[in-house]
């Protein structure tokens, strides 16, 4: 962590409050720890972790609730539809 005098100097140089610099340092440390924990995970585990983390941050740090929707996850665009028709006609 950065000591108080250095935080004040950084805040003065950037035109912000020392509290903002402290908050940024805390966010950096949290992100660093999260990246370290994700380093040993597989790609699928990282994706699951990232989605859970995003849901938690949107919920204000609370445990996310699982929302189910009936909408399709993949919506093909015009190019994909053309390719599918071309494949089917062969």
Protein backbone atom coordinates (compact mmCIF):
# COMPACT_ATOMS: atom_id res chain seq x y z
CA UNK A 1 0.00 0.00 0.00
CA UNK A 2 1.08 3.59 -0.54
CA UNK A 3 1.81 5.73 2.51
CA UNK A 4 -0.24 8.84 3.27
CA UNK A 5 2.28 11.46 2.15
CA UNK A 6 2.70 9.81 -1.23
CA UNK A 7 -1.09 9.53 -1.65
CA UNK A 8 -1.43 13.25 -0.92
CA UNK A 9 1.30 14.08 -3.44
CA UNK A 10 -0.34 11.91 -6.12
CA UNK A 11 -3.72 13.50 -5.38
CA UNK A 12 -2.27 17.01 -5.63
CA UNK A 13 -0.59 16.19 -8.92
CA UNK A 14 -3.73 14.69 -10.43
CA UNK A 15 -6.15 17.28 -9.03
CA UNK A 16 -8.16 14.76 -7.00
CA UNK A 17 -8.77 13.98 -3.34
CA UNK A 18 -6.48 11.63 -1.41
CA UNK A 19 -9.56 9.45 -0.74
CA UNK A 20 -9.96 8.94 -4.48
CA UNK A 21 -6.34 7.83 -4.76
CA UNK A 22 -6.85 5.42 -1.85
CA UNK A 23 -9.97 4.01 -3.51
CA UNK A 24 -8.09 3.51 -6.76
CA UNK A 25 -5.29 1.71 -4.93
CA UNK A 26 -7.82 -0.59 -3.24
CA UNK A 27 -9.50 -1.35 -6.57
CA UNK A 28 -6.12 -2.13 -8.11
CA UNK A 29 -5.23 -4.51 -5.29
CA UNK A 30 -8.58 -6.30 -5.62
CA UNK A 31 -8.19 -6.63 -9.38
CA UNK A 32 -4.62 -7.91 -8.96
CA UNK A 33 -5.73 -10.54 -6.46
CA UNK A 34 -8.59 -11.58 -8.73
CA UNK A 35 -6.24 -11.97 -11.71
CA UNK A 36 -3.85 -14.04 -9.61
CA UNK A 37 -6.67 -16.35 -8.57
CA UNK A 38 -7.83 -16.67 -12.17
CA UNK A 39 -4.34 -17.55 -13.43
CA UNK A 40 -4.67 -21.21 -12.49
CA UNK A 41 -8.18 -21.64 -13.89
CA UNK A 42 -9.21 -23.14 -17.20
CA UNK A 43 -10.90 -20.98 -19.83
CA UNK A 44 -14.38 -22.24 -18.92
CA UNK A 45 -13.76 -21.63 -15.21
CA UNK A 46 -12.60 -18.08 -15.99
CA UNK A 47 -15.73 -17.39 -18.01
CA UNK A 48 -17.95 -18.64 -15.18
CA UNK A 49 -15.99 -16.64 -12.62
CA UNK A 50 -16.16 -13.50 -14.76
CA UNK A 51 -19.91 -13.73 -15.24
CA UNK A 52 -20.47 -14.33 -11.53
CA UNK A 53 -18.22 -11.40 -10.67
CA UNK A 54 -20.07 -9.10 -13.08
CA UNK A 55 -23.41 -10.13 -11.63
CA UNK A 56 -22.15 -9.52 -8.12
CA UNK A 57 -20.85 -6.06 -8.97
CA UNK A 58 -24.14 -5.12 -10.65
CA UNK A 59 -26.07 -6.32 -7.60
CA UNK A 60 -24.04 -4.04 -5.35
CA UNK A 61 -21.81 -6.77 -3.93
CA UNK A 62 -24.71 -9.04 -3.01
CA UNK A 63 -25.02 -12.60 -4.19
CA UNK A 64 -26.53 -12.60 -7.68
CA UNK A 65 -29.91 -14.11 -8.42
CA UNK A 66 -30.15 -16.38 -11.41
CA UNK A 67 -32.41 -15.01 -14.12
CA UNK A 68 -33.76 -17.31 -16.77
CA UNK A 69 -35.06 -16.08 -20.06
CA UNK A 70 -36.84 -17.78 -22.90
CA UNK A 71 -35.01 -15.70 -25.52
CA UNK A 72 -32.53 -17.61 -27.69
CA UNK A 73 -28.89 -17.06 -26.84
CA UNK A 74 -27.77 -17.04 -30.48
CA UNK A 75 -29.45 -14.98 -33.16
CA UNK A 76 -28.00 -15.64 -36.61
CA UNK A 77 -27.31 -12.67 -38.83
CA UNK A 78 -28.00 -12.45 -42.60
CA UNK A 79 -24.63 -13.87 -43.55
CA UNK A 80 -25.09 -16.92 -41.31
CA UNK A 81 -28.60 -17.50 -42.67
CA UNK A 82 -27.23 -17.42 -46.23
CA UNK A 83 -24.55 -19.96 -45.35
CA UNK A 84 -27.12 -22.26 -43.76
CA UNK A 85 -29.39 -22.10 -46.83
CA UNK A 86 -26.43 -22.79 -49.09
CA UNK A 87 -25.43 -25.85 -47.02
CA UNK A 88 -28.98 -27.21 -47.02
CA UNK A 89 -29.34 -26.85 -50.79
CA UNK A 90 -26.28 -29.05 -51.47
